[in-house]
N, C-alpha and C. Protein backbone atom coordinates (compact mmCIF):
# COMPACT_ATOMS: atom_id res chain seq x y z
N MET A 1 -8.04 4.79 24.65
CA MET A 1 -8.82 4.14 23.59
C MET A 1 -9.29 5.19 22.59
N PRO A 2 -8.95 5.05 21.29
CA PRO A 2 -9.40 6.02 20.29
C PRO A 2 -10.92 6.00 20.16
N PRO A 3 -11.54 7.15 19.91
CA PRO A 3 -13.00 7.18 19.74
C PRO A 3 -13.40 6.50 18.43
N ILE A 4 -14.69 6.18 18.33
CA ILE A 4 -15.20 5.49 17.16
C ILE A 4 -14.92 6.27 15.87
N HIS A 5 -15.06 7.60 15.93
CA HIS A 5 -14.86 8.38 14.71
C HIS A 5 -13.41 8.32 14.23
N ALA A 6 -12.45 8.17 15.16
CA ALA A 6 -11.05 8.04 14.76
C ALA A 6 -10.82 6.69 14.08
N LEU A 7 -11.39 5.62 14.66
CA LEU A 7 -11.27 4.30 14.07
C LEU A 7 -11.92 4.28 12.68
N ALA A 8 -13.10 4.90 12.57
CA ALA A 8 -13.79 4.94 11.28
C ALA A 8 -13.00 5.76 10.27
N GLY A 9 -12.39 6.84 10.73
CA GLY A 9 -11.60 7.68 9.83
C GLY A 9 -10.41 6.94 9.26
N VAL A 10 -9.68 6.23 10.12
CA VAL A 10 -8.54 5.45 9.66
C VAL A 10 -8.99 4.35 8.71
N ALA A 11 -10.13 3.71 9.03
CA ALA A 11 -10.65 2.65 8.17
C ALA A 11 -10.98 3.19 6.78
N ALA A 12 -11.60 4.38 6.73
CA ALA A 12 -11.98 4.96 5.45
C ALA A 12 -10.75 5.32 4.62
N VAL A 13 -9.76 5.93 5.26
CA VAL A 13 -8.54 6.29 4.54
C VAL A 13 -7.81 5.02 4.08
N SER A 14 -7.77 4.02 4.94
CA SER A 14 -7.11 2.76 4.59
C SER A 14 -7.77 2.11 3.39
N LEU A 15 -9.10 2.14 3.35
CA LEU A 15 -9.83 1.55 2.24
C LEU A 15 -9.52 2.30 0.94
N GLY A 16 -9.50 3.62 1.01
CA GLY A 16 -9.18 4.40 -0.17
C GLY A 16 -7.78 4.13 -0.69
N MET A 17 -6.83 3.97 0.23
CA MET A 17 -5.45 3.73 -0.18
C MET A 17 -5.26 2.34 -0.76
N VAL A 18 -5.89 1.34 -0.16
CA VAL A 18 -5.68 -0.03 -0.63
C VAL A 18 -6.38 -0.25 -1.97
N LEU A 19 -7.44 0.53 -2.25
CA LEU A 19 -8.12 0.42 -3.54
C LEU A 19 -7.40 1.17 -4.65
N THR A 20 -6.43 2.01 -4.28
CA THR A 20 -5.61 2.71 -5.27
C THR A 20 -4.48 1.78 -5.71
N PRO A 21 -4.35 1.48 -7.00
CA PRO A 21 -3.29 0.57 -7.44
C PRO A 21 -1.93 1.00 -6.95
N GLY A 22 -1.22 0.11 -6.33
CA GLY A 22 0.11 0.38 -5.81
C GLY A 22 0.96 -0.88 -5.86
N PRO A 23 2.17 -0.81 -5.30
CA PRO A 23 3.08 -1.95 -5.37
C PRO A 23 2.51 -3.25 -4.82
N ASN A 24 1.82 -3.18 -3.68
CA ASN A 24 1.27 -4.40 -3.09
C ASN A 24 0.26 -5.06 -4.02
N MET A 25 -0.71 -4.26 -4.50
CA MET A 25 -1.74 -4.81 -5.37
C MET A 25 -1.13 -5.37 -6.65
N LEU A 26 -0.21 -4.61 -7.26
CA LEU A 26 0.39 -5.05 -8.51
C LEU A 26 1.12 -6.38 -8.33
N TYR A 27 1.87 -6.49 -7.25
CA TYR A 27 2.61 -7.73 -7.03
C TYR A 27 1.68 -8.90 -6.72
N LEU A 28 0.72 -8.69 -5.84
CA LEU A 28 -0.16 -9.77 -5.42
C LEU A 28 -1.01 -10.28 -6.59
N VAL A 29 -1.55 -9.36 -7.39
CA VAL A 29 -2.35 -9.77 -8.53
C VAL A 29 -1.51 -10.52 -9.55
N SER A 30 -0.34 -9.96 -9.87
CA SER A 30 0.54 -10.63 -10.85
C SER A 30 0.94 -12.01 -10.37
N ARG A 31 1.27 -12.14 -9.11
CA ARG A 31 1.68 -13.44 -8.58
C ARG A 31 0.53 -14.42 -8.57
N SER A 32 -0.66 -13.96 -8.24
CA SER A 32 -1.83 -14.85 -8.21
C SER A 32 -2.16 -15.36 -9.60
N LEU A 33 -2.07 -14.47 -10.60
CA LEU A 33 -2.38 -14.88 -11.97
C LEU A 33 -1.36 -15.88 -12.50
N THR A 34 -0.10 -15.72 -12.09
CA THR A 34 0.96 -16.55 -12.62
C THR A 34 1.08 -17.89 -11.90
N GLN A 35 0.97 -17.86 -10.58
CA GLN A 35 1.28 -19.06 -9.79
C GLN A 35 0.10 -19.56 -8.97
N GLY A 36 -1.04 -18.90 -9.03
CA GLY A 36 -2.22 -19.39 -8.35
C GLY A 36 -2.52 -18.67 -7.04
N ARG A 37 -3.70 -18.99 -6.50
CA ARG A 37 -4.16 -18.33 -5.28
C ARG A 37 -3.27 -18.62 -4.08
N ARG A 38 -2.76 -19.84 -3.98
CA ARG A 38 -1.89 -20.18 -2.85
C ARG A 38 -0.66 -19.27 -2.82
N ALA A 39 -0.07 -19.05 -3.99
CA ALA A 39 1.09 -18.17 -4.07
C ALA A 39 0.71 -16.74 -3.69
N GLY A 40 -0.47 -16.31 -4.15
CA GLY A 40 -0.91 -14.96 -3.81
C GLY A 40 -1.14 -14.78 -2.33
N LEU A 41 -1.75 -15.77 -1.70
CA LEU A 41 -2.02 -15.69 -0.26
C LEU A 41 -0.73 -15.78 0.55
N THR A 42 0.23 -16.59 0.08
CA THR A 42 1.53 -16.66 0.76
C THR A 42 2.25 -15.32 0.68
N SER A 43 2.19 -14.70 -0.50
CA SER A 43 2.78 -13.37 -0.66
C SER A 43 2.07 -12.35 0.23
N LEU A 44 0.74 -12.49 0.34
CA LEU A 44 -0.04 -11.58 1.18
C LEU A 44 0.39 -11.68 2.64
N ALA A 45 0.75 -12.88 3.09
CA ALA A 45 1.23 -13.04 4.47
C ALA A 45 2.48 -12.19 4.70
N GLY A 46 3.36 -12.13 3.70
CA GLY A 46 4.54 -11.28 3.82
C GLY A 46 4.18 -9.82 3.86
N VAL A 47 3.19 -9.43 3.05
CA VAL A 47 2.72 -8.04 3.04
C VAL A 47 2.16 -7.65 4.41
N VAL A 48 1.39 -8.55 5.01
CA VAL A 48 0.81 -8.27 6.33
C VAL A 48 1.91 -8.09 7.37
N LEU A 49 2.97 -8.91 7.30
CA LEU A 49 4.09 -8.73 8.23
C LEU A 49 4.73 -7.37 8.03
N GLY A 50 4.80 -6.91 6.77
CA GLY A 50 5.32 -5.57 6.51
C GLY A 50 4.46 -4.50 7.14
N PHE A 51 3.12 -4.66 7.05
CA PHE A 51 2.22 -3.73 7.74
C PHE A 51 2.55 -3.66 9.23
N LEU A 52 2.69 -4.83 9.85
CA LEU A 52 2.93 -4.90 11.29
C LEU A 52 4.29 -4.30 11.65
N ALA A 53 5.28 -4.46 10.77
CA ALA A 53 6.61 -3.89 11.03
C ALA A 53 6.53 -2.37 11.03
N TYR A 54 5.84 -1.80 10.05
CA TYR A 54 5.68 -0.35 10.01
C TYR A 54 4.88 0.15 11.20
N LEU A 55 3.84 -0.57 11.55
CA LEU A 55 3.01 -0.19 12.68
C LEU A 55 3.82 -0.16 13.97
N THR A 56 4.60 -1.21 14.19
CA THR A 56 5.41 -1.28 15.41
C THR A 56 6.42 -0.15 15.46
N ALA A 57 7.10 0.11 14.33
CA ALA A 57 8.10 1.18 14.30
C ALA A 57 7.47 2.54 14.58
N THR A 58 6.30 2.78 14.01
CA THR A 58 5.63 4.06 14.23
C THR A 58 5.17 4.20 15.67
N ALA A 59 4.59 3.13 16.21
CA ALA A 59 4.10 3.18 17.59
C ALA A 59 5.24 3.43 18.58
N LEU A 60 6.43 2.96 18.23
CA LEU A 60 7.58 3.14 19.12
C LEU A 60 8.29 4.47 18.90
N GLY A 61 7.76 5.29 17.99
CA GLY A 61 8.29 6.65 17.88
C GLY A 61 9.10 6.95 16.64
N LEU A 62 8.97 6.15 15.56
CA LEU A 62 9.75 6.44 14.36
C LEU A 62 9.35 7.78 13.76
N SER A 63 8.07 8.15 13.90
CA SER A 63 7.65 9.44 13.36
C SER A 63 8.37 10.59 14.04
N ALA A 64 8.76 10.41 15.32
CA ALA A 64 9.49 11.46 16.03
C ALA A 64 10.86 11.67 15.40
N VAL A 65 11.48 10.59 14.92
CA VAL A 65 12.78 10.70 14.26
C VAL A 65 12.65 11.54 12.99
N PHE A 66 11.62 11.32 12.22
CA PHE A 66 11.41 12.10 11.00
C PHE A 66 11.07 13.54 11.32
N THR A 67 10.45 13.77 12.47
CA THR A 67 10.16 15.15 12.87
C THR A 67 11.45 15.88 13.22
N LEU A 68 12.35 15.19 13.89
CA LEU A 68 13.62 15.79 14.31
C LEU A 68 14.62 15.91 13.16
N VAL A 69 14.47 15.05 12.15
CA VAL A 69 15.39 15.06 11.00
C VAL A 69 14.56 15.26 9.73
N PRO A 70 14.16 16.51 9.43
CA PRO A 70 13.29 16.77 8.27
C PRO A 70 13.88 16.27 6.96
N GLY A 71 15.22 16.32 6.85
CA GLY A 71 15.86 15.87 5.62
C GLY A 71 15.60 14.40 5.33
N ALA A 72 15.54 13.59 6.38
CA ALA A 72 15.28 12.16 6.20
C ALA A 72 13.86 11.94 5.72
N TYR A 73 12.92 12.67 6.30
CA TYR A 73 11.53 12.54 5.87
C TYR A 73 11.36 13.00 4.43
N LEU A 74 12.03 14.12 4.07
CA LEU A 74 11.94 14.64 2.70
C LEU A 74 12.50 13.62 1.71
N THR A 75 13.57 12.95 2.09
CA THR A 75 14.17 11.95 1.21
C THR A 75 13.21 10.79 0.97
N VAL A 76 12.58 10.30 2.04
CA VAL A 76 11.62 9.21 1.90
C VAL A 76 10.44 9.64 1.04
N LYS A 77 9.96 10.87 1.28
CA LYS A 77 8.81 11.36 0.54
C LYS A 77 9.10 11.49 -0.94
N LEU A 78 10.26 12.07 -1.29
CA LEU A 78 10.60 12.24 -2.70
C LEU A 78 10.90 10.90 -3.37
N ALA A 79 11.51 9.97 -2.62
CA ALA A 79 11.75 8.65 -3.18
C ALA A 79 10.42 7.96 -3.48
N GLY A 80 9.45 8.09 -2.58
CA GLY A 80 8.14 7.52 -2.81
C GLY A 80 7.45 8.16 -4.01
N ALA A 81 7.58 9.49 -4.15
CA ALA A 81 6.97 10.18 -5.29
C ALA A 81 7.59 9.72 -6.60
N CYS A 82 8.90 9.55 -6.61
CA CYS A 82 9.58 9.08 -7.83
C CYS A 82 9.13 7.66 -8.18
N TYR A 83 8.98 6.83 -7.16
CA TYR A 83 8.58 5.45 -7.41
C TYR A 83 7.16 5.39 -7.97
N LEU A 84 6.25 6.18 -7.40
CA LEU A 84 4.88 6.23 -7.90
C LEU A 84 4.85 6.79 -9.32
N GLY A 85 5.70 7.80 -9.58
CA GLY A 85 5.77 8.36 -10.92
C GLY A 85 6.26 7.34 -11.94
N TRP A 86 7.23 6.54 -11.55
CA TRP A 86 7.74 5.49 -12.44
C TRP A 86 6.67 4.45 -12.74
N MET A 87 5.89 4.08 -11.71
CA MET A 87 4.81 3.11 -11.92
C MET A 87 3.74 3.70 -12.83
N ALA A 88 3.46 5.01 -12.69
CA ALA A 88 2.48 5.66 -13.56
C ALA A 88 2.95 5.62 -15.01
N TRP A 89 4.23 5.90 -15.22
CA TRP A 89 4.78 5.86 -16.58
C TRP A 89 4.71 4.46 -17.16
N GLN A 90 4.99 3.46 -16.36
CA GLN A 90 4.93 2.08 -16.84
C GLN A 90 3.52 1.73 -17.31
N ALA A 91 2.50 2.30 -16.67
CA ALA A 91 1.13 2.03 -17.06
C ALA A 91 0.70 2.84 -18.27
N LEU A 92 1.16 4.10 -18.37
CA LEU A 92 0.68 5.01 -19.40
C LEU A 92 1.51 4.99 -20.67
N ARG A 93 2.74 4.56 -20.61
CA ARG A 93 3.60 4.59 -21.80
C ARG A 93 3.05 3.65 -22.88
N PRO A 94 3.40 3.92 -24.14
CA PRO A 94 2.98 3.01 -25.21
C PRO A 94 3.46 1.58 -24.92
N GLY A 95 2.53 0.66 -25.00
CA GLY A 95 2.90 -0.73 -24.69
C GLY A 95 2.84 -1.05 -23.22
N GLY A 96 2.36 -0.10 -22.39
CA GLY A 96 2.24 -0.36 -20.96
C GLY A 96 1.24 -1.47 -20.68
N THR A 97 1.32 -2.03 -19.49
CA THR A 97 0.46 -3.16 -19.15
C THR A 97 -0.36 -2.89 -17.90
N SER A 98 -1.43 -3.64 -17.78
CA SER A 98 -2.29 -3.62 -16.60
C SER A 98 -1.86 -4.74 -15.66
N PRO A 99 -2.08 -4.59 -14.34
CA PRO A 99 -1.74 -5.70 -13.45
C PRO A 99 -2.58 -6.94 -13.73
N PHE A 100 -3.71 -6.78 -14.44
CA PHE A 100 -4.57 -7.92 -14.75
C PHE A 100 -4.27 -8.53 -16.11
N ALA A 101 -3.29 -7.96 -16.82
CA ALA A 101 -2.92 -8.54 -18.11
C ALA A 101 -2.04 -9.77 -17.88
N PRO A 102 -2.22 -10.83 -18.68
CA PRO A 102 -1.39 -12.04 -18.53
C PRO A 102 0.08 -11.73 -18.70
N ARG A 103 0.92 -12.32 -17.86
CA ARG A 103 2.36 -12.14 -17.98
C ARG A 103 3.06 -13.34 -17.37
N GLU A 104 4.32 -13.48 -17.71
CA GLU A 104 5.09 -14.60 -17.19
C GLU A 104 5.96 -14.13 -16.02
N LEU A 105 5.87 -14.83 -14.91
CA LEU A 105 6.75 -14.59 -13.77
C LEU A 105 7.35 -15.93 -13.35
N PRO A 106 8.60 -15.93 -12.90
CA PRO A 106 9.19 -17.19 -12.46
C PRO A 106 8.47 -17.73 -11.24
N ARG A 107 8.36 -19.05 -11.16
CA ARG A 107 7.72 -19.68 -10.01
C ARG A 107 8.71 -19.73 -8.85
N HIS A 108 8.25 -19.41 -7.66
CA HIS A 108 9.12 -19.36 -6.49
C HIS A 108 8.56 -20.23 -5.37
N SER A 109 9.44 -20.55 -4.41
CA SER A 109 9.03 -21.32 -3.24
C SER A 109 8.19 -20.45 -2.32
N ASP A 110 7.50 -21.10 -1.37
CA ASP A 110 6.68 -20.35 -0.41
C ASP A 110 7.51 -19.35 0.36
N LEU A 111 8.73 -19.73 0.77
CA LEU A 111 9.58 -18.82 1.54
C LEU A 111 9.96 -17.60 0.70
N ARG A 112 10.29 -17.83 -0.56
CA ARG A 112 10.64 -16.72 -1.44
C ARG A 112 9.43 -15.81 -1.68
N LEU A 113 8.27 -16.42 -1.85
CA LEU A 113 7.06 -15.62 -2.05
C LEU A 113 6.77 -14.75 -0.84
N PHE A 114 6.91 -15.34 0.36
CA PHE A 114 6.68 -14.60 1.60
C PHE A 114 7.67 -13.44 1.70
N ALA A 115 8.94 -13.70 1.41
CA ALA A 115 9.97 -12.67 1.51
C ALA A 115 9.73 -11.56 0.49
N MET A 116 9.30 -11.91 -0.71
CA MET A 116 9.05 -10.90 -1.72
C MET A 116 7.84 -10.04 -1.36
N GLY A 117 6.81 -10.67 -0.76
CA GLY A 117 5.66 -9.90 -0.30
C GLY A 117 6.06 -8.92 0.79
N LEU A 118 6.90 -9.37 1.72
CA LEU A 118 7.39 -8.51 2.80
C LEU A 118 8.20 -7.35 2.24
N THR A 119 9.11 -7.64 1.32
CA THR A 119 9.96 -6.60 0.74
C THR A 119 9.12 -5.59 -0.03
N THR A 120 8.15 -6.07 -0.81
CA THR A 120 7.29 -5.15 -1.56
C THR A 120 6.56 -4.19 -0.64
N CYS A 121 6.07 -4.71 0.49
CA CYS A 121 5.35 -3.86 1.44
C CYS A 121 6.29 -2.85 2.11
N LEU A 122 7.46 -3.29 2.51
CA LEU A 122 8.39 -2.39 3.21
C LEU A 122 8.88 -1.28 2.29
N LEU A 123 8.88 -1.52 0.99
CA LEU A 123 9.31 -0.49 0.04
C LEU A 123 8.13 0.29 -0.53
N ASN A 124 6.95 0.09 0.04
CA ASN A 124 5.75 0.76 -0.45
C ASN A 124 5.63 2.14 0.17
N PRO A 125 5.80 3.22 -0.59
CA PRO A 125 5.77 4.57 0.01
C PRO A 125 4.42 4.94 0.59
N LYS A 126 3.33 4.38 0.03
CA LYS A 126 2.00 4.70 0.58
C LYS A 126 1.89 4.28 2.03
N ILE A 127 2.38 3.09 2.35
CA ILE A 127 2.29 2.59 3.73
C ILE A 127 3.17 3.42 4.65
N ALA A 128 4.39 3.73 4.21
CA ALA A 128 5.29 4.53 5.04
C ALA A 128 4.69 5.88 5.37
N ILE A 129 4.18 6.57 4.35
CA ILE A 129 3.61 7.90 4.56
C ILE A 129 2.38 7.83 5.45
N MET A 130 1.57 6.78 5.28
CA MET A 130 0.36 6.66 6.08
C MET A 130 0.70 6.52 7.56
N TYR A 131 1.58 5.59 7.88
CA TYR A 131 1.89 5.37 9.28
C TYR A 131 2.62 6.56 9.90
N LEU A 132 3.49 7.19 9.12
CA LEU A 132 4.30 8.28 9.68
C LEU A 132 3.53 9.59 9.78
N SER A 133 2.55 9.78 8.92
CA SER A 133 1.86 11.07 8.88
C SER A 133 0.40 11.02 9.30
N LEU A 134 -0.29 9.92 9.02
CA LEU A 134 -1.73 9.89 9.24
C LEU A 134 -2.11 9.52 10.67
N LEU A 135 -1.58 8.40 11.16
CA LEU A 135 -2.01 7.90 12.47
C LEU A 135 -1.88 8.94 13.59
N PRO A 136 -0.76 9.68 13.66
CA PRO A 136 -0.65 10.66 14.75
C PRO A 136 -1.75 11.71 14.74
N GLN A 137 -2.38 11.95 13.58
CA GLN A 137 -3.44 12.95 13.51
C GLN A 137 -4.72 12.48 14.20
N PHE A 138 -4.83 11.18 14.45
CA PHE A 138 -6.02 10.62 15.10
C PHE A 138 -5.78 10.29 16.57
N THR A 139 -4.63 10.68 17.08
CA THR A 139 -4.32 10.39 18.48
C THR A 139 -4.23 11.68 19.29
N ALA A 140 -4.44 11.56 20.59
CA ALA A 140 -4.32 12.70 21.49
C ALA A 140 -4.02 12.16 22.90
N PRO A 141 -3.12 12.81 23.64
CA PRO A 141 -2.78 12.34 24.99
C PRO A 141 -4.00 12.22 25.90
N SER A 142 -5.02 13.05 25.67
CA SER A 142 -6.21 13.02 26.54
C SER A 142 -7.02 11.74 26.39
N ARG A 143 -6.77 10.98 25.32
CA ARG A 143 -7.55 9.76 25.07
C ARG A 143 -6.87 8.52 25.63
N GLY A 144 -5.74 8.69 26.31
CA GLY A 144 -5.06 7.53 26.86
C GLY A 144 -3.65 7.40 26.32
N HIS A 145 -3.03 6.28 26.59
CA HIS A 145 -1.64 6.04 26.19
C HIS A 145 -1.51 6.08 24.67
N LEU A 146 -0.53 6.88 24.19
CA LEU A 146 -0.37 7.04 22.75
C LEU A 146 0.04 5.74 22.07
N LEU A 147 0.84 4.93 22.75
CA LEU A 147 1.27 3.66 22.15
C LEU A 147 0.06 2.77 21.87
N GLU A 148 -0.85 2.69 22.85
CA GLU A 148 -2.05 1.87 22.67
C GLU A 148 -2.92 2.41 21.55
N GLN A 149 -3.07 3.75 21.48
CA GLN A 149 -3.88 4.34 20.43
C GLN A 149 -3.31 4.04 19.05
N ASN A 150 -2.00 4.22 18.89
CA ASN A 150 -1.37 3.96 17.60
C ASN A 150 -1.51 2.50 17.19
N LEU A 151 -1.36 1.60 18.15
CA LEU A 151 -1.48 0.18 17.84
C LEU A 151 -2.89 -0.17 17.40
N LEU A 152 -3.90 0.35 18.11
CA LEU A 152 -5.28 0.04 17.76
C LEU A 152 -5.66 0.63 16.39
N LEU A 153 -5.26 1.87 16.16
CA LEU A 153 -5.56 2.50 14.87
C LEU A 153 -4.82 1.78 13.74
N GLY A 154 -3.57 1.41 14.01
CA GLY A 154 -2.81 0.71 12.99
C GLY A 154 -3.39 -0.65 12.67
N LEU A 155 -3.90 -1.33 13.68
CA LEU A 155 -4.50 -2.64 13.45
C LEU A 155 -5.74 -2.53 12.57
N VAL A 156 -6.44 -1.40 12.65
CA VAL A 156 -7.58 -1.18 11.76
C VAL A 156 -7.10 -1.18 10.31
N GLN A 157 -5.99 -0.49 10.05
CA GLN A 157 -5.43 -0.46 8.70
C GLN A 157 -4.98 -1.85 8.26
N VAL A 158 -4.37 -2.59 9.17
CA VAL A 158 -3.89 -3.94 8.84
C VAL A 158 -5.06 -4.82 8.42
N VAL A 159 -6.15 -4.76 9.19
CA VAL A 159 -7.32 -5.59 8.88
C VAL A 159 -7.92 -5.19 7.53
N VAL A 160 -8.11 -3.88 7.32
CA VAL A 160 -8.70 -3.41 6.06
C VAL A 160 -7.80 -3.79 4.88
N GLY A 161 -6.51 -3.50 5.00
CA GLY A 161 -5.59 -3.80 3.92
C GLY A 161 -5.50 -5.28 3.62
N SER A 162 -5.46 -6.11 4.66
CA SER A 162 -5.36 -7.55 4.48
C SER A 162 -6.60 -8.12 3.80
N CYS A 163 -7.78 -7.68 4.24
CA CYS A 163 -9.03 -8.20 3.68
C CYS A 163 -9.19 -7.80 2.21
N VAL A 164 -8.95 -6.54 1.90
CA VAL A 164 -9.14 -6.09 0.52
C VAL A 164 -8.12 -6.73 -0.41
N ASN A 165 -6.86 -6.77 0.02
CA ASN A 165 -5.84 -7.43 -0.81
C ASN A 165 -6.15 -8.91 -0.97
N GLY A 166 -6.67 -9.53 0.09
CA GLY A 166 -7.04 -10.94 0.00
C GLY A 166 -8.12 -11.16 -1.03
N MET A 167 -9.09 -10.24 -1.09
CA MET A 167 -10.16 -10.36 -2.09
C MET A 167 -9.61 -10.22 -3.50
N PHE A 168 -8.63 -9.31 -3.68
CA PHE A 168 -8.02 -9.18 -5.00
C PHE A 168 -7.28 -10.46 -5.39
N VAL A 169 -6.61 -11.08 -4.43
CA VAL A 169 -5.90 -12.34 -4.71
C VAL A 169 -6.89 -13.41 -5.16
N LEU A 170 -8.00 -13.56 -4.42
CA LEU A 170 -8.97 -14.60 -4.73
C LEU A 170 -9.73 -14.32 -6.02
N ALA A 171 -9.89 -13.04 -6.36
CA ALA A 171 -10.68 -12.69 -7.55
C ALA A 171 -9.83 -12.35 -8.76
N ALA A 172 -8.50 -12.43 -8.63
CA ALA A 172 -7.61 -11.99 -9.72
C ALA A 172 -7.91 -12.72 -11.02
N GLY A 173 -8.07 -14.04 -10.93
CA GLY A 173 -8.32 -14.82 -12.14
C GLY A 173 -9.60 -14.42 -12.83
N ALA A 174 -10.68 -14.25 -12.06
CA ALA A 174 -11.96 -13.88 -12.64
C ALA A 174 -11.91 -12.48 -13.25
N ILE A 175 -11.25 -11.54 -12.56
CA ILE A 175 -11.14 -10.18 -13.09
C ILE A 175 -10.32 -10.16 -14.37
N ALA A 176 -9.21 -10.91 -14.39
CA ALA A 176 -8.36 -10.96 -15.57
C ALA A 176 -9.12 -11.55 -16.76
N ALA A 177 -9.91 -12.61 -16.51
CA ALA A 177 -10.68 -13.22 -17.59
C ALA A 177 -11.73 -12.24 -18.13
N PHE A 178 -12.38 -11.51 -17.22
CA PHE A 178 -13.39 -10.53 -17.63
C PHE A 178 -12.76 -9.44 -18.51
N LEU A 179 -11.64 -8.89 -18.06
CA LEU A 179 -10.98 -7.82 -18.81
C LEU A 179 -10.36 -8.36 -20.09
N GLY A 180 -9.89 -9.61 -20.06
CA GLY A 180 -9.28 -10.20 -21.24
C GLY A 180 -10.26 -10.33 -22.39
N ARG A 181 -11.53 -10.52 -22.10
CA ARG A 181 -12.56 -10.61 -23.14
C ARG A 181 -13.02 -9.23 -23.59
N ARG A 182 -12.53 -8.20 -22.92
CA ARG A 182 -12.93 -6.83 -23.25
C ARG A 182 -11.68 -5.94 -23.28
N PRO A 183 -10.91 -5.97 -24.38
CA PRO A 183 -9.66 -5.21 -24.47
C PRO A 183 -9.84 -3.73 -24.18
N GLY A 184 -10.99 -3.18 -24.55
CA GLY A 184 -11.21 -1.76 -24.28
C GLY A 184 -11.23 -1.45 -22.80
N TRP A 185 -11.87 -2.32 -22.01
CA TRP A 185 -11.91 -2.14 -20.56
C TRP A 185 -10.51 -2.25 -19.96
N LEU A 186 -9.72 -3.16 -20.50
CA LEU A 186 -8.36 -3.35 -19.99
C LEU A 186 -7.53 -2.08 -20.20
N LYS A 187 -7.73 -1.45 -21.36
CA LYS A 187 -7.02 -0.21 -21.66
C LYS A 187 -7.48 0.91 -20.73
N VAL A 188 -8.80 0.99 -20.50
CA VAL A 188 -9.32 2.01 -19.59
C VAL A 188 -8.76 1.80 -18.18
N GLN A 189 -8.75 0.54 -17.71
CA GLN A 189 -8.22 0.25 -16.37
C GLN A 189 -6.77 0.68 -16.26
N ARG A 190 -5.99 0.44 -17.32
CA ARG A 190 -4.57 0.82 -17.30
C ARG A 190 -4.41 2.33 -17.24
N TRP A 191 -5.23 3.08 -18.00
CA TRP A 191 -5.12 4.52 -18.00
C TRP A 191 -5.60 5.13 -16.68
N VAL A 192 -6.66 4.56 -16.12
CA VAL A 192 -7.12 5.04 -14.81
C VAL A 192 -6.04 4.81 -13.76
N MET A 193 -5.44 3.61 -13.77
CA MET A 193 -4.39 3.30 -12.81
C MET A 193 -3.22 4.26 -12.97
N GLY A 194 -2.77 4.49 -14.21
CA GLY A 194 -1.65 5.38 -14.44
C GLY A 194 -1.92 6.81 -14.02
N THR A 195 -3.15 7.28 -14.30
CA THR A 195 -3.52 8.64 -13.94
C THR A 195 -3.56 8.82 -12.42
N VAL A 196 -4.14 7.83 -11.73
CA VAL A 196 -4.22 7.91 -10.28
C VAL A 196 -2.82 7.90 -9.67
N LEU A 197 -1.96 7.00 -10.14
CA LEU A 197 -0.60 6.92 -9.62
C LEU A 197 0.16 8.21 -9.89
N GLY A 198 -0.01 8.78 -11.09
CA GLY A 198 0.66 10.03 -11.41
C GLY A 198 0.19 11.16 -10.51
N GLY A 199 -1.14 11.21 -10.27
CA GLY A 199 -1.66 12.23 -9.36
C GLY A 199 -1.12 12.09 -7.95
N LEU A 200 -1.03 10.84 -7.48
CA LEU A 200 -0.47 10.60 -6.15
C LEU A 200 0.99 11.03 -6.08
N ALA A 201 1.74 10.77 -7.15
CA ALA A 201 3.16 11.16 -7.17
C ALA A 201 3.31 12.67 -7.05
N VAL A 202 2.50 13.42 -7.83
CA VAL A 202 2.56 14.88 -7.77
C VAL A 202 2.13 15.39 -6.40
N ARG A 203 1.05 14.83 -5.87
CA ARG A 203 0.56 15.28 -4.57
C ARG A 203 1.59 15.00 -3.47
N LEU A 204 2.20 13.82 -3.54
CA LEU A 204 3.19 13.46 -2.54
C LEU A 204 4.40 14.37 -2.61
N ALA A 205 4.85 14.68 -3.83
CA ALA A 205 6.05 15.51 -4.01
C ALA A 205 5.82 16.94 -3.58
N THR A 206 4.59 17.43 -3.72
CA THR A 206 4.29 18.84 -3.41
C THR A 206 3.67 19.04 -2.03
N ASP A 207 3.36 17.96 -1.34
CA ASP A 207 2.72 18.06 -0.02
C ASP A 207 3.71 18.65 0.97
N SER A 208 3.30 19.71 1.66
CA SER A 208 4.18 20.36 2.63
C SER A 208 3.97 19.86 4.04
N ALA A 209 3.09 18.88 4.22
CA ALA A 209 2.82 18.36 5.57
C ALA A 209 4.05 17.68 6.15
N ARG A 210 4.16 17.69 7.45
CA ARG A 210 5.28 17.05 8.15
C ARG A 210 4.72 16.09 9.20
N PRO A 211 5.42 15.01 9.46
CA PRO A 211 4.93 14.07 10.49
C PRO A 211 5.00 14.69 11.86
N THR A 212 4.09 14.31 12.73
CA THR A 212 4.10 14.79 14.12
C THR A 212 4.46 13.64 15.03
N PRO A 213 5.14 13.91 16.16
CA PRO A 213 5.55 12.84 17.04
C PRO A 213 4.36 12.05 17.53
N ALA A 214 4.51 10.73 17.61
CA ALA A 214 3.44 9.88 18.16
C ALA A 214 3.43 9.96 19.64
């Protein structure tokens, strides 16, 4: 059983990551604004399944594979950095948009929404790096079975991520209306988002840390 400070540490990191604009937030907010809260919550269900898929893979030893094959880990890391950099450019470039700005998206069925939420999560580099690099730092053989520790710590992230993303889905309309009446705030939000994403891209690309076996 992980100690309380380990659970609290994972919760704090999870909160910081989910509050940083990323693929999941961008997709869920855009979908909620376009197709309503039901669509956003359906998409969120797919995102949660993606969380659980990453958690299961990590608990079963996927991080050990990346430890044994450094080239594979480097590829995933650089791909994630490039993706974050592209998202930063989309926000900062002239004519860039905020996730809370009105836009048109095609309406999809519940099954398609669920599948798109799942795909967005599975391609989210923040989640991959977190599960592969962070969770093992909070585990130790002396605290019990590593599989149980990873599952419990990962479930903390799932709960935090699900709750915060759910709040963004439910509040997307109100936030968009607030920012829509204040164009200056919308521009500031876009620049803050782009700067944070750009910083994450640089940090991820230059980080020399390596995953440790679970």
